[in-house]
Amino acid sequence: MKNHTQTIINVCLAVSVTLLMYQNSQQKDQIETANMFAQHSVDRSWHRMDRMEAETTMIKERVGIEALPESKFGGEPVYYSVNERLTSYGLKVLENESRLDEATNKINDTIDTVNRIQKYLAE
């Protein structure tokens, strides 16, 4: 009876160890598959982020938002906001208008001088 009991215990242990090894193998396969899908997902996310960054840069260039030549925030370019860009354009327009006013005043002064000279010569 003792031999039969020992045989039964040995068979049960062998079956248990075999099942544990099979379960461990299955779990390793599942982990490898999950890691592969996770890495693929990470790669796709990085690719998508690179594409979005390229599209953002293209949109900024189309809108006319320019990068500041020197960035105090590290190596990343800093872009003017649309409001800053419009403000800078508005300031340039005002500057050009004042130059035009000065030029118009000079032209009017020259016309007045020419008219006075013509009047003087006509007398």
PDB file of N, CA and C in Angstrom:
ATOM      1  N   MET A   1       0.809  -1.186   0.000  1.00  0.00           N
ATOM      2  CA  MET A   1       0.000   0.000   0.000  1.00  0.00           C
ATOM      3  C   MET A   1       0.856   1.254   0.000  1.00  0.00           C
ATOM      4  N   LYS A   2       2.002   1.162   0.718  1.00  0.00           N
ATOM      5  CA  LYS A   2       2.878   2.306   0.783  1.00  0.00           C
ATOM      6  C   LYS A   2       3.428   2.642  -0.599  1.00  0.00           C
ATOM      7  N   ASN A   3       3.754   1.646  -1.428  1.00  0.00           N
ATOM      8  CA  ASN A   3       4.264   1.875  -2.782  1.00  0.00           C
ATOM      9  C   ASN A   3       3.209   2.515  -3.669  1.00  0.00           C
ATOM     10  N   HIS A   4       1.965   2.059  -3.521  1.00  0.00           N
ATOM     11  CA  HIS A   4       0.886   2.636  -4.325  1.00  0.00           C
ATOM     12  C   HIS A   4       0.662   4.103  -3.958  1.00  0.00           C
ATOM     13  N   THR A   5       0.725   4.408  -2.688  1.00  0.00           N
ATOM     14  CA  THR A   5       0.540   5.786  -2.244  1.00  0.00           C
ATOM     15  C   THR A   5       1.667   6.658  -2.767  1.00  0.00           C
ATOM     16  N   GLN A   6       2.902   6.143  -2.674  1.00  0.00           N
ATOM     17  CA  GLN A   6       4.038   6.913  -3.181  1.00  0.00           C
ATOM     18  C   GLN A   6       3.928   7.109  -4.683  1.00  0.00           C
ATOM     19  N   THR A   7       3.480   6.128  -5.423  1.00  0.00           N
ATOM     20  CA  THR A   7       3.306   6.233  -6.867  1.00  0.00           C
ATOM     21  C   THR A   7       2.252   7.275  -7.194  1.00  0.00           C
ATOM     22  N   ILE A   8       1.151   7.235  -6.462  1.00  0.00           N
ATOM     23  CA  ILE A   8       0.078   8.222  -6.698  1.00  0.00           C
ATOM     24  C   ILE A   8       0.594   9.635  -6.417  1.00  0.00           C
ATOM     25  N   ILE A   9       1.333   9.800  -5.321  1.00  0.00           N
ATOM     26  CA  ILE A   9       1.886  11.120  -4.992  1.00  0.00           C
ATOM     27  C   ILE A   9       2.856  11.565  -6.083  1.00  0.00           C
ATOM     28  N   ASN A  10       3.717  10.672  -6.550  1.00  0.00           N
ATOM     29  CA  ASN A  10       4.686  11.005  -7.611  1.00  0.00           C
ATOM     30  C   ASN A  10       3.980  11.396  -8.910  1.00  0.00           C
ATOM     31  N   VAL A  11       2.937  10.651  -9.263  1.00  0.00           N
ATOM     32  CA  VAL A  11       2.182  10.969 -10.483  1.00  0.00           C
ATOM     33  C   VAL A  11       1.518  12.329 -10.339  1.00  0.00           C
ATOM     34  N   CYS A  12       0.925  12.571  -9.184  1.00  0.00           N
ATOM     35  CA  CYS A  12       0.273  13.882  -8.964  1.00  0.00           C
ATOM     36  C   CYS A  12       1.296  15.004  -9.033  1.00  0.00           C
ATOM     37  N   LEU A  13       2.443  14.817  -8.409  1.00  0.00           N
ATOM     38  CA  LEU A  13       3.496  15.833  -8.476  1.00  0.00           C
ATOM     39  C   LEU A  13       3.963  16.035  -9.927  1.00  0.00           C
ATOM     40  N   ALA A  14       4.137  14.977 -10.663  1.00  0.00           N
ATOM     41  CA  ALA A  14       4.587  15.085 -12.062  1.00  0.00           C
ATOM     42  C   ALA A  14       3.553  15.821 -12.897  1.00  0.00           C
ATOM     43  N   VAL A  15       2.275  15.495 -12.693  1.00  0.00           N
ATOM     44  CA  VAL A  15       1.212  16.184 -13.428  1.00  0.00           C
ATOM     45  C   VAL A  15       1.169  17.657 -13.039  1.00  0.00           C
ATOM     46  N   SER A  16       1.294  17.952 -11.740  1.00  0.00           N
ATOM     47  CA  SER A  16       1.268  19.346 -11.275  1.00  0.00           C
ATOM     48  C   SER A  16       2.430  20.140 -11.859  1.00  0.00           C
ATOM     49  N   VAL A  17       3.621  19.583 -11.818  1.00  0.00           N
ATOM     50  CA  VAL A  17       4.803  20.272 -12.361  1.00  0.00           C
ATOM     51  C   VAL A  17       4.638  20.480 -13.861  1.00  0.00           C
ATOM     52  N   THR A  18       4.128  19.472 -14.556  1.00  0.00           N
ATOM     53  CA  THR A  18       3.922  19.599 -16.001  1.00  0.00           C
ATOM     54  C   THR A  18       2.917  20.700 -16.304  1.00  0.00           C
ATOM     55  N   LEU A  19       1.814  20.746 -15.567  1.00  0.00           N
ATOM     56  CA  LEU A  19       0.803  21.783 -15.775  1.00  0.00           C
ATOM     57  C   LEU A  19       1.361  23.175 -15.463  1.00  0.00           C
ATOM     58  N   LEU A  20       2.156  23.288 -14.393  1.00  0.00           N
ATOM     59  CA  LEU A  20       2.778  24.575 -14.056  1.00  0.00           C
ATOM     60  C   LEU A  20       3.740  25.029 -15.162  1.00  0.00           C
ATOM     61  N   MET A  21       4.510  24.095 -15.695  1.00  0.00           N
ATOM     62  CA  MET A  21       5.438  24.438 -16.784  1.00  0.00           C
ATOM     63  C   MET A  21       4.666  24.884 -18.030  1.00  0.00           C
ATOM     64  N   TYR A  22       3.560  24.165 -18.340  1.00  0.00           N
ATOM     65  CA  TYR A  22       2.732  24.538 -19.491  1.00  0.00           C
ATOM     66  C   TYR A  22       2.110  25.921 -19.277  1.00  0.00           C
ATOM     67  N   GLN A  23       1.590  26.173 -18.057  1.00  0.00           N
ATOM     68  CA  GLN A  23       0.993  27.472 -17.750  1.00  0.00           C
ATOM     69  C   GLN A  23       2.037  28.578 -17.845  1.00  0.00           C
ATOM     70  N   ASN A  24       3.240  28.324 -17.350  1.00  0.00           N
ATOM     71  CA  ASN A  24       4.317  29.301 -17.412  1.00  0.00           C
ATOM     72  C   ASN A  24       4.678  29.612 -18.863  1.00  0.00           C
ATOM     73  N   SER A  25       4.723  28.591 -19.691  1.00  0.00           N
ATOM     74  CA  SER A  25       5.024  28.782 -21.109  1.00  0.00           C
ATOM     75  C   SER A  25       3.944  29.624 -21.791  1.00  0.00           C
ATOM     76  N   GLN A  26       2.686  29.348 -21.467  1.00  0.00           N
ATOM     77  CA  GLN A  26       1.584  30.121 -22.041  1.00  0.00           C
ATOM     78  C   GLN A  26       1.656  31.585 -21.605  1.00  0.00           C
ATOM     79  N   GLN A  27       1.961  31.808 -20.326  1.00  0.00           N
ATOM     80  CA  GLN A  27       2.053  33.180 -19.833  1.00  0.00           C
ATOM     81  C   GLN A  27       3.211  33.929 -20.480  1.00  0.00           C
ATOM     82  N   LYS A  28       4.328  33.261 -20.703  1.00  0.00           N
ATOM     83  CA  LYS A  28       5.459  33.901 -21.382  1.00  0.00           C
ATOM     84  C   LYS A  28       5.066  34.306 -22.797  1.00  0.00           C
ATOM     85  N   ASP A  29       4.353  33.430 -23.495  1.00  0.00           N
ATOM     86  CA  ASP A  29       3.889  33.762 -24.846  1.00  0.00           C
ATOM     87  C   ASP A  29       2.956  34.968 -24.833  1.00  0.00           C
ATOM     88  N   GLN A  30       2.040  34.996 -23.865  1.00  0.00           N
ATOM     89  CA  GLN A  30       1.110  36.126 -23.765  1.00  0.00           C
ATOM     90  C   GLN A  30       1.851  37.419 -23.450  1.00  0.00           C
ATOM     91  N   ILE A  31       2.846  37.354 -22.578  1.00  0.00           N
ATOM     92  CA  ILE A  31       3.630  38.544 -22.233  1.00  0.00           C
ATOM     93  C   ILE A  31       4.410  39.036 -23.448  1.00  0.00           C
ATOM     94  N   GLU A  32       5.026  38.126 -24.186  1.00  0.00           N
ATOM     95  CA  GLU A  32       5.759  38.509 -25.389  1.00  0.00           C
ATOM     96  C   GLU A  32       4.833  39.159 -26.420  1.00  0.00           C
ATOM     97  N   THR A  33       3.642  38.593 -26.583  1.00  0.00           N
ATOM     98  CA  THR A  33       2.671  39.163 -27.526  1.00  0.00           C
ATOM     99  C   THR A  33       2.230  40.547 -27.062  1.00  0.00           C
ATOM    100  N   ALA A  34       1.954  40.681 -25.751  1.00  0.00           N
ATOM    101  CA  ALA A  34       1.547  41.986 -25.221  1.00  0.00           C
ATOM    102  C   ALA A  34       2.665  43.012 -25.389  1.00  0.00           C
ATOM    103  N   ASN A  35       3.906  42.612 -25.123  1.00  0.00           N
ATOM    104  CA  ASN A  35       5.039  43.526 -25.306  1.00  0.00           C
ATOM    105  C   ASN A  35       5.194  43.944 -26.769  1.00  0.00           C
ATOM    106  N   MET A  36       4.996  42.995 -27.679  1.00  0.00           N
ATOM    107  CA  MET A  36       5.100  43.315 -29.096  1.00  0.00           C
ATOM    108  C   MET A  36       4.034  44.331 -29.495  1.00  0.00           C
ATOM    109  N   PHE A  37       2.789  44.115 -29.054  1.00  0.00           N
ATOM    110  CA  PHE A  37       1.719  45.059 -29.378  1.00  0.00           C
ATOM    111  C   PHE A  37       1.954  46.414 -28.716  1.00  0.00           C
ATOM    112  N   ALA A  38       2.465  46.409 -27.484  1.00  0.00           N
ATOM    113  CA  ALA A  38       2.748  47.669 -26.790  1.00  0.00           C
ATOM    114  C   ALA A  38       3.839  48.440 -27.527  1.00  0.00           C
ATOM    115  N   GLN A  39       4.900  47.758 -27.946  1.00  0.00           N
ATOM    116  CA  GLN A  39       5.981  48.433 -28.675  1.00  0.00           C
ATOM    117  C   GLN A  39       5.480  48.973 -30.005  1.00  0.00           C
ATOM    118  N   HIS A  40       4.644  48.189 -30.674  1.00  0.00           N
ATOM    119  CA  HIS A  40       4.067  48.642 -31.946  1.00  0.00           C
ATOM    120  C   HIS A  40       3.208  49.880 -31.723  1.00  0.00           C
ATOM    121  N   SER A  41       2.439  49.886 -30.642  1.00  0.00           N
ATOM    122  CA  SER A  41       1.594  51.035 -30.328  1.00  0.00           C
ATOM    123  C   SER A  41       2.441  52.266 -30.011  1.00  0.00           C
ATOM    124  N   VAL A  42       3.524  52.080 -29.266  1.00  0.00           N
ATOM    125  CA  VAL A  42       4.424  53.191 -28.944  1.00  0.00           C
ATOM    126  C   VAL A  42       5.057  53.735 -30.220  1.00  0.00           C
ATOM    127  N   ASP A  43       5.514  52.851 -31.097  1.00  0.00           N
ATOM    128  CA  ASP A  43       6.123  53.291 -32.363  1.00  0.00           C
ATOM    129  C   ASP A  43       5.125  54.084 -33.201  1.00  0.00           C
ATOM    130  N   ARG A  44       3.879  53.594 -33.275  1.00  0.00           N
ATOM    131  CA  ARG A  44       2.850  54.319 -34.026  1.00  0.00           C
ATOM    132  C   ARG A  44       2.581  55.686 -33.416  1.00  0.00           C
ATOM    133  N   SER A  45       2.568  55.743 -32.074  1.00  0.00           N
ATOM    134  CA  SER A  45       2.331  57.024 -31.394  1.00  0.00           C
ATOM    135  C   SER A  45       3.451  58.012 -31.698  1.00  0.00           C
ATOM    136  N   TRP A  46       4.706  57.572 -31.657  1.00  0.00           N
ATOM    137  CA  TRP A  46       5.829  58.449 -31.978  1.00  0.00           C
ATOM    138  C   TRP A  46       5.745  58.924 -33.420  1.00  0.00           C
ATOM    139  N   HIS A  47       5.406  58.012 -34.311  1.00  0.00           N
ATOM    140  CA  HIS A  47       5.277  58.386 -35.719  1.00  0.00           C
ATOM    141  C   HIS A  47       4.169  59.420 -35.894  1.00  0.00           C
ATOM    142  N   ARG A  48       3.052  59.198 -35.212  1.00  0.00           N
ATOM    143  CA  ARG A  48       1.934  60.136 -35.297  1.00  0.00           C
ATOM    144  C   ARG A  48       2.314  61.499 -34.719  1.00  0.00           C
ATOM    145  N   MET A  49       3.065  61.517 -33.630  1.00  0.00           N
ATOM    146  CA  MET A  49       3.513  62.777 -33.037  1.00  0.00           C
ATOM    147  C   MET A  49       4.477  63.508 -33.976  1.00  0.00           C
ATOM    148  N   ASP A  50       5.383  62.777 -34.614  1.00  0.00           N
ATOM    149  CA  ASP A  50       6.294  63.410 -35.575  1.00  0.00           C
ATOM    150  C   ASP A  50       5.516  64.021 -36.728  1.00  0.00           C
ATOM    151  N   ARG A  51       4.519  63.295 -37.217  1.00  0.00           N
ATOM    152  CA  ARG A  51       3.702  63.797 -38.320  1.00  0.00           C
ATOM    153  C   ARG A  51       2.921  65.034 -37.896  1.00  0.00           C
ATOM    154  N   MET A  52       2.382  65.028 -36.666  1.00  0.00           N
ATOM    155  CA  MET A  52       1.639  66.181 -36.178  1.00  0.00           C
ATOM    156  C   MET A  52       2.558  67.392 -36.006  1.00  0.00           C
ATOM    157  N   GLU A  53       3.785  67.163 -35.563  1.00  0.00           N
ATOM    158  CA  GLU A  53       4.738  68.266 -35.402  1.00  0.00           C
ATOM    159  C   GLU A  53       5.083  68.863 -36.764  1.00  0.00           C
ATOM    160  N   ALA A  54       5.262  68.007 -37.771  1.00  0.00           N
ATOM    161  CA  ALA A  54       5.546  68.505 -39.117  1.00  0.00           C
ATOM    162  C   ALA A  54       4.359  69.300 -39.657  1.00  0.00           C
ATOM    163  N   GLU A  55       3.141  68.814 -39.417  1.00  0.00           N
ATOM    164  CA  GLU A  55       1.947  69.529 -39.878  1.00  0.00           C
ATOM    165  C   GLU A  55       1.804  70.864 -39.154  1.00  0.00           C
ATOM    166  N   THR A  56       2.110  70.895 -37.860  1.00  0.00           N
ATOM    167  CA  THR A  56       2.034  72.138 -37.094  1.00  0.00           C
ATOM    168  C   THR A  56       3.018  73.155 -37.638  1.00  0.00           C
ATOM    169  N   THR A  57       4.239  72.714 -37.921  1.00  0.00           N
ATOM    170  CA  THR A  57       5.243  73.615 -38.484  1.00  0.00           C
ATOM    171  C   THR A  57       4.778  74.143 -39.834  1.00  0.00           C
ATOM    172  N   MET A  58       4.209  73.275 -40.673  1.00  0.00           N
ATOM    173  CA  MET A  58       3.729  73.698 -41.984  1.00  0.00           C
ATOM    174  C   MET A  58       2.609  74.729 -41.842  1.00  0.00           C
ATOM    175  N   ILE A  59       1.695  74.513 -40.902  1.00  0.00           N
ATOM    176  CA  ILE A  59       0.593  75.462 -40.690  1.00  0.00           C
ATOM    177  C   ILE A  59       1.138  76.795 -40.209  1.00  0.00           C
ATOM    178  N   LYS A  60       2.094  76.766 -39.279  1.00  0.00           N
ATOM    179  CA  LYS A  60       2.684  78.004 -38.785  1.00  0.00           C
ATOM    180  C   LYS A  60       3.357  78.770 -39.918  1.00  0.00           C
ATOM    181  N   GLU A  61       4.031  78.056 -40.815  1.00  0.00           N
ATOM    182  CA  GLU A  61       4.675  78.729 -41.939  1.00  0.00           C
ATOM    183  C   GLU A  61       3.644  79.315 -42.889  1.00  0.00           C
ATOM    184  N   ARG A  62       2.536  78.608 -43.113  1.00  0.00           N
ATOM    185  CA  ARG A  62       1.495  79.121 -44.016  1.00  0.00           C
ATOM    186  C   ARG A  62       0.819  80.357 -43.448  1.00  0.00           C
ATOM    187  N   VAL A  63       0.593  80.366 -42.124  1.00  0.00           N
ATOM    188  CA  VAL A  63      -0.087  81.488 -41.492  1.00  0.00           C
ATOM    189  C   VAL A  63       0.852  82.682 -41.393  1.00  0.00           C
ATOM    190  N   GLY A  64       2.136  82.439 -41.427  1.00  0.00           N
ATOM    191  CA  GLY A  64       3.098  83.519 -41.343  1.00  0.00           C
ATOM    192  C   GLY A  64       3.631  83.724 -39.952  1.00  0.00           C
ATOM    193  N   ILE A  65       3.519  82.710 -39.128  1.00  0.00           N
ATOM    194  CA  ILE A  65       4.077  82.792 -37.788  1.00  0.00           C
ATOM    195  C   ILE A  65       5.529  82.337 -37.893  1.00  0.00           C
ATOM    196  N   GLU A  66       6.442  83.202 -37.491  1.00  0.00           N
ATOM    197  CA  GLU A  66       7.851  82.886 -37.645  1.00  0.00           C
ATOM    198  C   GLU A  66       8.468  82.518 -36.312  1.00  0.00           C
ATOM    199  N   ALA A  67       9.499  81.695 -36.388  1.00  0.00           N
ATOM    200  CA  ALA A  67      10.206  81.308 -35.168  1.00  0.00           C
ATOM    201  C   ALA A  67      11.146  82.427 -34.756  1.00  0.00           C
ATOM    202  N   LEU A  68      11.256  82.639 -33.452  1.00  0.00           N
ATOM    203  CA  LEU A  68      12.230  83.596 -32.958  1.00  0.00           C
ATOM    204  C   LEU A  68      13.628  83.026 -33.206  1.00  0.00           C
ATOM    205  N   PRO A  69      14.582  83.851 -33.628  1.00  0.00           N
ATOM    206  CA  PRO A  69      15.905  83.316 -33.950  1.00  0.00           C
ATOM    207  C   PRO A  69      16.620  82.717 -32.747  1.00  0.00           C
ATOM    208  N   GLU A  70      16.463  83.310 -31.572  1.00  0.00           N
ATOM    209  CA  GLU A  70      17.109  82.769 -30.384  1.00  0.00           C
ATOM    210  C   GLU A  70      16.050  82.465 -29.338  1.00  0.00           C
ATOM    211  N   SER A  71      16.122  81.284 -28.813  1.00  0.00           N
ATOM    212  CA  SER A  71      15.133  80.874 -27.819  1.00  0.00           C
ATOM    213  C   SER A  71      15.778  80.849 -26.444  1.00  0.00           C
ATOM    214  N   LYS A  72      15.128  81.479 -25.474  1.00  0.00           N
ATOM    215  CA  LYS A  72      15.636  81.409 -24.110  1.00  0.00           C
ATOM    216  C   LYS A  72      15.043  80.225 -23.358  1.00  0.00           C
ATOM    217  N   PHE A  73      14.299  79.375 -24.058  1.00  0.00           N
ATOM    218  CA  PHE A  73      13.664  78.218 -23.436  1.00  0.00           C
ATOM    219  C   PHE A  73      14.343  76.912 -23.833  1.00  0.00           C
ATOM    220  N   GLY A  74      15.570  76.962 -24.262  1.00  0.00           N
ATOM    221  CA  GLY A  74      16.270  75.755 -24.662  1.00  0.00           C
ATOM    222  C   GLY A  74      16.340  75.657 -26.176  1.00  0.00           C
ATOM    223  N   GLY A  75      16.480  74.441 -26.677  1.00  0.00           N
ATOM    224  CA  GLY A  75      16.658  74.232 -28.104  1.00  0.00           C
ATOM    225  C   GLY A  75      15.385  74.296 -28.927  1.00  0.00           C
ATOM    226  N   GLU A  76      14.220  74.298 -28.279  1.00  0.00           N
ATOM    227  CA  GLU A  76      12.962  74.309 -29.012  1.00  0.00           C
ATOM    228  C   GLU A  76      12.701  75.691 -29.603  1.00  0.00           C
ATOM    229  N   PRO A  77      12.243  75.765 -30.839  1.00  0.00           N
ATOM    230  CA  PRO A  77      11.926  77.089 -31.399  1.00  0.00           C
ATOM    231  C   PRO A  77      10.688  77.669 -30.727  1.00  0.00           C
ATOM    232  N   VAL A  78      10.697  78.979 -30.575  1.00  0.00           N
ATOM    233  CA  VAL A  78       9.559  79.688 -29.987  1.00  0.00           C
ATOM    234  C   VAL A  78       8.911  80.472 -31.109  1.00  0.00           C
ATOM    235  N   TYR A  79       7.610  80.386 -31.231  1.00  0.00           N
ATOM    236  CA  TYR A  79       6.908  81.034 -32.321  1.00  0.00           C
ATOM    237  C   TYR A  79       6.132  82.242 -31.824  1.00  0.00           C
ATOM    238  N   TYR A  80       6.075  83.257 -32.701  1.00  0.00           N
ATOM    239  CA  TYR A  80       5.197  84.386 -32.414  1.00  0.00           C
ATOM    240  C   TYR A  80       3.766  83.886 -32.434  1.00  0.00           C
ATOM    241  N   SER A  81       2.941  84.413 -31.567  1.00  0.00           N
ATOM    242  CA  SER A  81       1.526  84.095 -31.665  1.00  0.00           C
ATOM    243  C   SER A  81       0.927  84.945 -32.780  1.00  0.00           C
ATOM    244  N   VAL A  82      -0.249  84.597 -33.218  1.00  0.00           N
ATOM    245  CA  VAL A  82      -0.899  85.341 -34.298  1.00  0.00           C
ATOM    246  C   VAL A  82      -1.117  86.786 -33.866  1.00  0.00           C
ATOM    247  N   ASN A  83      -1.524  87.024 -32.617  1.00  0.00           N
ATOM    248  CA  ASN A  83      -1.749  88.383 -32.138  1.00  0.00           C
ATOM    249  C   ASN A  83      -0.463  89.196 -32.153  1.00  0.00           C
ATOM    250  N   GLU A  84       0.648  88.565 -31.722  1.00  0.00           N
ATOM    251  CA  GLU A  84       1.929  89.274 -31.751  1.00  0.00           C
ATOM    252  C   GLU A  84       2.312  89.633 -33.184  1.00  0.00           C
ATOM    253  N   ARG A  85       2.064  88.696 -34.104  1.00  0.00           N
ATOM    254  CA  ARG A  85       2.408  88.935 -35.505  1.00  0.00           C
ATOM    255  C   ARG A  85       1.548  90.072 -36.057  1.00  0.00           C
ATOM    256  N   LEU A  86       0.238  90.050 -35.775  1.00  0.00           N
ATOM    257  CA  LEU A  86      -0.645  91.112 -36.252  1.00  0.00           C
ATOM    258  C   LEU A  86      -0.270  92.455 -35.635  1.00  0.00           C
ATOM    259  N   THR A  87       0.103  92.447 -34.365  1.00  0.00           N
ATOM    260  CA  THR A  87       0.534  93.683 -33.718  1.00  0.00           C
ATOM    261  C   THR A  87       1.776  94.238 -34.394  1.00  0.00           C
ATOM    262  N   SER A  88       2.729  93.355 -34.715  1.00  0.00           N
ATOM    263  CA  SER A  88       3.952  93.840 -35.372  1.00  0.00           C
ATOM    264  C   SER A  88       3.629  94.387 -36.759  1.00  0.00           C
ATOM    265  N   TYR A  89       2.690  93.751 -37.482  1.00  0.00           N
ATOM    266  CA  TYR A  89       2.283  94.277 -38.787  1.00  0.00           C
ATOM    267  C   TYR A  89       1.596  95.631 -38.620  1.00  0.00           C
ATOM    268  N   GLY A  90       0.754  95.756 -37.593  1.00  0.00           N
ATOM    269  CA  GLY A  90       0.069  97.025 -37.348  1.00  0.00           C
ATOM    270  C   GLY A  90       1.055  98.141 -37.052  1.00  0.00           C
ATOM    271  N   LEU A  91       2.095  97.837 -36.267  1.00  0.00           N
ATOM    272  CA  LEU A  91       3.110  98.849 -35.970  1.00  0.00           C
ATOM    273  C   LEU A  91       3.865  99.268 -37.228  1.00  0.00           C
ATOM    274  N   LYS A  92       4.132  98.292 -38.108  1.00  0.00           N
ATOM    275  CA  LYS A  92       4.808  98.629 -39.367  1.00  0.00           C
ATOM    276  C   LYS A  92       3.920  99.505 -40.241  1.00  0.00           C
ATOM    277  N   VAL A  93       2.619  99.231 -40.261  1.00  0.00           N
ATOM    278  CA  VAL A  93       1.685 100.047 -41.049  1.00  0.00           C
ATOM    279  C   VAL A  93       1.664 101.473 -40.519  1.00  0.00           C
ATOM    280  N   LEU A  94       1.608 101.628 -39.191  1.00  0.00           N
ATOM    281  CA  LEU A  94       1.615 102.970 -38.602  1.00  0.00           C
ATOM    282  C   LEU A  94       2.913 103.705 -38.924  1.00  0.00           C
ATOM    283  N   GLU A  95       4.014 103.002 -38.874  1.00  0.00           N
ATOM    284  CA  GLU A  95       5.309 103.603 -39.201  1.00  0.00           C
ATOM    285  C   GLU A  95       5.335 104.049 -40.661  1.00  0.00           C
ATOM    286  N   ASN A  96       4.824 103.201 -41.539  1.00  0.00           N
ATOM    287  CA  ASN A  96       4.781 103.557 -42.964  1.00  0.00           C
ATOM    288  C   ASN A  96       3.837 104.727 -43.218  1.00  0.00           C
ATOM    289  N   GLU A  97       2.718 104.778 -42.499  1.00  0.00           N
ATOM    290  CA  GLU A  97       1.789 105.901 -42.657  1.00  0.00           C
ATOM    291  C   GLU A  97       2.453 107.214 -42.249  1.00  0.00           C
ATOM    292  N   SER A  98       3.228 107.205 -41.161  1.00  0.00           N
ATOM    293  CA  SER A  98       3.901 108.443 -40.738  1.00  0.00           C
ATOM    294  C   SER A  98       4.956 108.850 -41.765  1.00  0.00           C
ATOM    295  N   ARG A  99       5.630 107.875 -42.358  1.00  0.00           N
ATOM    296  CA  ARG A  99       6.597 108.207 -43.422  1.00  0.00           C
ATOM    297  C   ARG A  99       5.888 108.804 -44.630  1.00  0.00           C
ATOM    298  N   LEU A 100       4.729 108.229 -44.976  1.00  0.00           N
ATOM    299  CA  LEU A 100       3.961 108.770 -46.103  1.00  0.00           C
ATOM    300  C   LEU A 100       3.490 110.195 -45.806  1.00  0.00           C
ATOM    301  N   ASP A 101       3.062 110.450 -44.576  1.00  0.00           N
ATOM    302  CA  ASP A 101       2.642 111.806 -44.197  1.00  0.00           C
ATOM    303  C   ASP A 101       3.809 112.783 -44.324  1.00  0.00           C
ATOM    304  N   GLU A 102       4.989 112.382 -43.884  1.00  0.00           N
ATOM    305  CA  GLU A 102       6.170 113.242 -44.005  1.00  0.00           C
ATOM    306  C   GLU A 102       6.490 113.504 -45.476  1.00  0.00           C
ATOM    307  N   ALA A 103       6.443 112.453 -46.284  1.00  0.00           N
ATOM    308  CA  ALA A 103       6.736 112.620 -47.712  1.00  0.00           C
ATOM    309  C   ALA A 103       5.686 113.507 -48.374  1.00  0.00           C
ATOM    310  N   THR A 104       4.413 113.345 -48.005  1.00  0.00           N
ATOM    311  CA  THR A 104       3.342 114.177 -48.568  1.00  0.00           C
ATOM    312  C   THR A 104       3.555 115.635 -48.176  1.00  0.00           C
ATOM    313  N   ASN A 105       3.920 115.889 -46.929  1.00  0.00           N
ATOM    314  CA  ASN A 105       4.184 117.268 -46.485  1.00  0.00           C
ATOM    315  C   ASN A 105       5.357 117.874 -47.262  1.00  0.00           C
ATOM    316  N   LYS A 106       6.407 117.099 -47.488  1.00  0.00           N
ATOM    317  CA  LYS A 106       7.559 117.604 -48.243  1.00  0.00           C
ATOM    318  C   LYS A 106       7.156 117.915 -49.688  1.00  0.00           C
ATOM    319  N   ILE A 107       6.347 117.043 -50.277  1.00  0.00           N
ATOM    320  CA  ILE A 107       5.892 117.270 -51.655  1.00  0.00           C
ATOM    321  C   ILE A 107       5.023 118.525 -51.715  1.00  0.00           C
ATOM    322  N   ASN A 108       4.123 118.692 -50.756  1.00  0.00           N
ATOM    323  CA  ASN A 108       3.272 119.894 -50.721  1.00  0.00           C
ATOM    324  C   ASN A 108       4.116 121.159 -50.536  1.00  0.00           C
ATOM    325  N   ASP A 109       5.134 121.098 -49.677  1.00  0.00           N
ATOM    326  CA  ASP A 109       6.034 122.242 -49.501  1.00  0.00           C
ATOM    327  C   ASP A 109       6.761 122.565 -50.810  1.00  0.00           C
ATOM    328  N   THR A 110       7.202 121.534 -51.509  1.00  0.00           N
ATOM    329  CA  THR A 110       7.885 121.734 -52.787  1.00  0.00           C
ATOM    330  C   THR A 110       6.935 122.346 -53.809  1.00  0.00           C
ATOM    331  N   ILE A 111       5.698 121.876 -53.842  1.00  0.00           N
ATOM    332  CA  ILE A 111       4.704 122.441 -54.770  1.00  0.00           C
ATOM    333  C   ILE A 111       4.454 123.903 -54.443  1.00  0.00           C
ATOM    334  N   ASP A 112       4.333 124.243 -53.146  1.00  0.00           N
ATOM    335  CA  ASP A 112       4.131 125.635 -52.733  1.00  0.00           C
ATOM    336  C   ASP A 112       5.327 126.493 -53.153  1.00  0.00           C
ATOM    337  N   THR A 113       6.518 125.960 -52.968  1.00  0.00           N
ATOM    338  CA  THR A 113       7.720 126.705 -53.359  1.00  0.00           C
ATOM    339  C   THR A 113       7.744 126.929 -54.859  1.00  0.00           C
ATOM    340  N   VAL A 114       7.414 125.903 -55.637  1.00  0.00           N
ATOM    341  CA  VAL A 114       7.396 126.034 -57.100  1.00  0.00           C
ATOM    342  C   VAL A 114       6.340 127.058 -57.511  1.00  0.00           C
ATOM    343  N   ASN A 115       5.177 127.034 -56.882  1.00  0.00           N
ATOM    344  CA  ASN A 115       4.120 128.009 -57.198  1.00  0.00           C
ATOM    345  C   ASN A 115       4.570 129.436 -56.879  1.00  0.00           C
ATOM    346  N   ARG A 116       5.253 129.635 -55.747  1.00  0.00           N
ATOM    347  CA  ARG A 116       5.746 130.965 -55.390  1.00  0.00           C
ATOM    348  C   ARG A 116       6.803 131.443 -56.392  1.00  0.00           C
ATOM    349  N   ILE A 117       7.655 130.498 -56.805  1.00  0.00           N
ATOM    350  CA  ILE A 117       8.685 130.875 -57.805  1.00  0.00           C
ATOM    351  C   ILE A 117       8.022 131.249 -59.114  1.00  0.00           C
ATOM    352  N   GLN A 118       7.013 130.478 -59.543  1.00  0.00           N
ATOM    353  CA  GLN A 118       6.317 130.795 -60.800  1.00  0.00           C
ATOM    354  C   GLN A 118       5.628 132.159 -60.689  1.00  0.00           C
ATOM    355  N   LYS A 119       5.014 132.421 -59.547  1.00  0.00           N
ATOM    356  CA  LYS A 119       4.329 133.693 -59.335  1.00  0.00           C
ATOM    357  C   LYS A 119       5.343 134.845 -59.355  1.00  0.00           C
ATOM    358  N   TYR A 120       6.487 134.647 -58.747  1.00  0.00           N
ATOM    359  CA  TYR A 120       7.533 135.668 -58.725  1.00  0.00           C
ATOM    360  C   TYR A 120       8.047 135.962 -60.127  1.00  0.00           C
ATOM    361  N   LEU A 121       8.251 134.847 -60.875  1.00  0.00           N
ATOM    362  CA  LEU A 121       8.765 135.018 -62.238  1.00  0.00           C
ATOM    363  C   LEU A 121       7.722 135.642 -63.172  1.00  0.00           C
ATOM    364  N   ALA A 122       6.448 135.402 -62.882  1.00  0.00           N
ATOM    365  CA  ALA A 122       5.379 135.959 -63.707  1.00  0.00           C
ATOM    366  C   ALA A 122       5.251 137.459 -63.484  1.00  0.00           C
ATOM    367  N   GLU A 123       5.674 138.023 -62.370  1.00  0.00           N
ATOM    368  CA  GLU A 123       5.532 139.447 -62.089  1.00  0.00           C
ATOM    369  C   GLU A 123       6.557 140.237 -62.779  1.00  0.00           C
TER     370      GLU A 123
END
